[in-house]
Amino acid sequence: MRSVGSHLIFELWGCDDSINSPEIVEQTLRELTEVAKARLLGLHLHPFSPQGVTGVAIISESHILIHTWPEIGYAAVDLFTCGEPVDPDAVVPVLKRRFNPTHVQVLQLFRGIAGD
């Protein structure tokens, strides 16, 4: 079975206030890019008022997104790469160290599966 890419979805619950920091979200996007062995093409962050941050790293292999809801301690992270899939076990420690969630759920989808 072949696919065009792997889409990792991380549900992070019980996060601390670091998810409200544009600086920490940016650092996390940069570190996730390294862990994914990807090439960063661009990065954009948008802090919301009164709270929350959305950040996207455009990578040559696709994208990494982080959306945060500090009021409920939740962060949604997507990591979509073409080619070789990224190992979720390499990504989770980064997310745990940066956001300190009490619970992490991981879903991996294989996108564009080519049929026979």
Foldseek 3Di string as FASTA:
>chain_A
DDFFKKKKKKKFFAWACLQFDPVLVVVLQVVVCVLQVWAFDDKDKDADPPTWIWIKTQTPQGIWIWTDDNVGLIIMIMDMGGDDYGDVVSSVVSCCVSTVGPDMDMDMDGHHDDDD
